């Protein structure tokens, strides 16, 4: 996905009020696009709850073009336990 397109989608997700709405928008974006690990990381930071951060990070992995760099997504988590959970997954 181009950076310009990503920025538009990112703004839409960011502007959503609730995590459920953010998740819906982010998943819709991922249905037809591939992202980089850094783009996924930025989206993960938008979620308020650790469970939603983890759920989206797992959802996005198959649609990430640079999976070898996916470790950077762990930096987005608020809690170390979430980062460890993703690494174990």
C-alpha atoms as a PDB file:
ATOM      1  CA  UNK A   1       0.000   0.000   0.000  1.00  0.00           C
ATOM      2  CA  UNK A   2       1.335   3.394  -0.875  1.00  0.00           C
ATOM      3  CA  UNK A   3       2.221   5.705   1.990  1.00  0.00           C
ATOM      4  CA  UNK A   4      -0.400   8.190   0.842  1.00  0.00           C
ATOM      5  CA  UNK A   5      -3.172   5.577   0.846  1.00  0.00           C
ATOM      6  CA  UNK A   6      -1.954   4.264   4.184  1.00  0.00           C
ATOM      7  CA  UNK A   7      -2.035   7.735   5.730  1.00  0.00           C
ATOM      8  CA  UNK A   8      -5.650   8.177   4.647  1.00  0.00           C
ATOM      9  CA  UNK A   9      -6.661   4.834   6.144  1.00  0.00           C
ATOM     10  CA  UNK A  10      -4.626   5.512   9.268  1.00  0.00           C
ATOM     11  CA  UNK A  11      -6.452   8.792   9.815  1.00  0.00           C
ATOM     12  CA  UNK A  12      -9.813   7.058   9.466  1.00  0.00           C
ATOM     13  CA  UNK A  13      -8.860   4.420  12.030  1.00  0.00           C
ATOM     14  CA  UNK A  14      -7.418   7.033  14.375  1.00  0.00           C
ATOM     15  CA  UNK A  15     -10.574   9.139  14.190  1.00  0.00           C
ATOM     16  CA  UNK A  16     -12.836   6.239  15.172  1.00  0.00           C
ATOM     17  CA  UNK A  17     -14.063   6.628  18.732  1.00  0.00           C
ATOM     18  CA  UNK A  18     -14.202   3.032  19.943  1.00  0.00           C
ATOM     19  CA  UNK A  19     -11.779   0.135  19.591  1.00  0.00           C
ATOM     20  CA  UNK A  20     -14.460  -1.983  17.913  1.00  0.00           C
ATOM     21  CA  UNK A  21     -14.860   0.641  15.203  1.00  0.00           C
ATOM     22  CA  UNK A  22     -11.099   0.951  14.835  1.00  0.00           C
ATOM     23  CA  UNK A  23     -10.796  -2.823  14.485  1.00  0.00           C
ATOM     24  CA  UNK A  24     -13.485  -2.936  11.820  1.00  0.00           C
ATOM     25  CA  UNK A  25     -11.847  -0.181   9.768  1.00  0.00           C
ATOM     26  CA  UNK A  26      -8.357  -1.635  10.147  1.00  0.00           C
ATOM     27  CA  UNK A  27      -9.522  -5.106   9.105  1.00  0.00           C
ATOM     28  CA  UNK A  28     -11.371  -3.681   6.113  1.00  0.00           C
ATOM     29  CA  UNK A  29      -8.154  -2.004   5.022  1.00  0.00           C
ATOM     30  CA  UNK A  30      -6.209  -5.244   5.435  1.00  0.00           C
ATOM     31  CA  UNK A  31      -8.719  -7.226   3.374  1.00  0.00           C
ATOM     32  CA  UNK A  32      -7.435  -5.734   0.128  1.00  0.00           C
ATOM     33  CA  UNK A  33      -3.982  -4.419   1.032  1.00  0.00           C
ATOM     34  CA  UNK A  34      -0.636  -5.521   2.371  1.00  0.00           C
ATOM     35  CA  UNK A  35       1.235  -3.460   4.952  1.00  0.00           C
ATOM     36  CA  UNK A  36       4.764  -3.208   6.257  1.00  0.00           C
ATOM     37  CA  UNK A  37       5.611  -4.145   9.820  1.00  0.00           C
ATOM     38  CA  UNK A  38       6.056  -0.477  10.694  1.00  0.00           C
ATOM     39  CA  UNK A  39       2.627   0.363   9.305  1.00  0.00           C
ATOM     40  CA  UNK A  40       1.087  -2.422  11.409  1.00  0.00           C
ATOM     41  CA  UNK A  41       2.970  -1.114  14.446  1.00  0.00           C
ATOM     42  CA  UNK A  42       1.458   2.351  13.985  1.00  0.00           C
ATOM     43  CA  UNK A  43      -2.042   0.881  13.777  1.00  0.00           C
ATOM     44  CA  UNK A  44      -1.544  -1.313  16.843  1.00  0.00           C
ATOM     45  CA  UNK A  45      -0.733   1.810  18.872  1.00  0.00           C
ATOM     46  CA  UNK A  46      -4.185   3.209  18.097  1.00  0.00           C
ATOM     47  CA  UNK A  47      -6.013   0.567  20.126  1.00  0.00           C
ATOM     48  CA  UNK A  48      -6.794   1.366  23.736  1.00  0.00           C
ATOM     49  CA  UNK A  49      -6.869  -2.167  25.100  1.00  0.00           C
ATOM     50  CA  UNK A  50      -4.048  -4.704  25.136  1.00  0.00           C
ATOM     51  CA  UNK A  51      -6.334  -7.496  23.937  1.00  0.00           C
ATOM     52  CA  UNK A  52      -7.305  -5.483  20.862  1.00  0.00           C
ATOM     53  CA  UNK A  53      -3.673  -4.629  20.196  1.00  0.00           C
ATOM     54  CA  UNK A  54      -2.766  -8.314  20.304  1.00  0.00           C
ATOM     55  CA  UNK A  55      -5.763  -9.388  18.231  1.00  0.00           C
ATOM     56  CA  UNK A  56      -4.994  -6.920  15.478  1.00  0.00           C
ATOM     57  CA  UNK A  57      -1.274  -7.764  15.472  1.00  0.00           C
ATOM     58  CA  UNK A  58      -2.123 -11.438  14.966  1.00  0.00           C
ATOM     59  CA  UNK A  59      -4.722 -10.637  12.323  1.00  0.00           C
ATOM     60  CA  UNK A  60      -2.311  -8.449  10.349  1.00  0.00           C
ATOM     61  CA  UNK A  61       0.648 -10.859  10.265  1.00  0.00           C
ATOM     62  CA  UNK A  62      -0.432 -12.859   7.179  1.00  0.00           C
ATOM     63  CA  UNK A  63      -0.951  -9.589   5.246  1.00  0.00           C
ATOM     64  CA  UNK A  64       2.443  -8.126   6.169  1.00  0.00           C
ATOM     65  CA  UNK A  65       4.959  -7.945   3.349  1.00  0.00           C
ATOM     66  CA  UNK A  66       8.081  -7.928   5.520  1.00  0.00           C
ATOM     67  CA  UNK A  67       7.298 -10.604   8.094  1.00  0.00           C
ATOM     68  CA  UNK A  68      10.990 -10.956   8.925  1.00  0.00           C
ATOM     69  CA  UNK A  69      10.742  -7.513  10.532  1.00  0.00           C
ATOM     70  CA  UNK A  70       7.548  -8.235  12.461  1.00  0.00           C
ATOM     71  CA  UNK A  71       9.435  -8.012  15.747  1.00  0.00           C
ATOM     72  CA  UNK A  72       9.042  -4.207  15.509  1.00  0.00           C
ATOM     73  CA  UNK A  73       5.302  -4.581  16.090  1.00  0.00           C
ATOM     74  CA  UNK A  74       6.061  -5.672  19.645  1.00  0.00           C
ATOM     75  CA  UNK A  75       7.364  -2.178  20.381  1.00  0.00           C
ATOM     76  CA  UNK A  76       3.812  -0.849  19.983  1.00  0.00           C
ATOM     77  CA  UNK A  77       2.452  -2.703  22.992  1.00  0.00           C
ATOM     78  CA  UNK A  78       1.805  -0.912  26.228  1.00  0.00           C
ATOM     79  CA  UNK A  79       2.488  -4.004  28.339  1.00  0.00           C
ATOM     80  CA  UNK A  80       5.524  -6.280  28.163  1.00  0.00           C
ATOM     81  CA  UNK A  81       3.214  -9.260  28.688  1.00  0.00           C
ATOM     82  CA  UNK A  82       1.482  -8.464  25.378  1.00  0.00           C
ATOM     83  CA  UNK A  83       4.801  -8.274  23.575  1.00  0.00           C
ATOM     84  CA  UNK A  84       5.791 -11.644  25.003  1.00  0.00           C
ATOM     85  CA  UNK A  85       2.448 -13.124  24.036  1.00  0.00           C
ATOM     86  CA  UNK A  86       2.913 -12.026  20.428  1.00  0.00           C
ATOM     87  CA  UNK A  87       6.464 -13.387  20.329  1.00  0.00           C
ATOM     88  CA  UNK A  88       5.304 -16.756  21.659  1.00  0.00           C
ATOM     89  CA  UNK A  89       2.453 -16.867  19.176  1.00  0.00           C
END
